[in-house]
Amino acid sequence: MPGTDTSDSPPPFDDPFSSGDVEQQLYATVLQTRSPRTAGAIAEDVECDPKTARKYLRWFAELGIVTEHDGHPTTYERNDAYFEWRRINQLATEYTADELIQQVNDLTTTIEQYQQRYDAETPSDVDALATANSSDDRTIDDVYSDLGDWETVRRERQLHEQARQQRTGASGRASG
C-alpha cells in the first residue's frame, strides 16, 4: 500500500526471515538445522551466495554457534551445547538464586505429579499405547502430550538447577 509505513509490522508468515539481512537469515536457518548440511545447501535456503554463507558459517563455528565437520564438502550443524550454555547463562542472569530454587522446586513438584499419574519414574518408562487403552479419560494424544510435557519439565529443571549452581558459585552461597 503506497504511503503506508509497514516497518513495524511482522514479516510475512510464509517466509518470516526474508526481511532480515543475510547474516540474520543464515543464523535463523542454522537454528533450524538439526543435521549436518553443506554451506551450499544452507545458502540455497537463504538465497545467498555460497561464499557468503561459508564466511558466516565459519564465523558462527568460531563463536561456537555451529559445529563445523571437516570433509569434502565441509558441513555445518547447530551446536546444541552452545544454546544450552546460553540458556543457563540467561537464567542465571535473569533470576536470583532464591528464585531459581523456587523454580526448581516447582518443576520438581510437576515431575512428581507426572510420576504419580503414570506410576513411573521417567516418561520413557511409560507405554503410551497401553496407558491410553487402559484409561477411559485419556486418549493416546493426551498421553503423548503429557509425556512430551513431562520430558520438557525434566529438561527445564536440569537447566534451572545448573543456573542455580552457576549463580551461587562453588561455595553454595546464594547471591542476589
Foldseek 3Di string as FASTA:
>chain_A
DPPDDCPVPQDDPVDRQLVDDLLSQLLVLQVVFDDWDQLVVSCVVSVHDSVVSVVSQVVCVVVVQWPWADDVVITIHGRVVVVLVVLLQVLLVPDFLVVLVVLLVVLVVLLVVLCVVQVHNALVVHDLVVVQVVDPPAHSVNSVVSNVVSVVSVVVSVSSVSSSCVQCDPVNHTDD
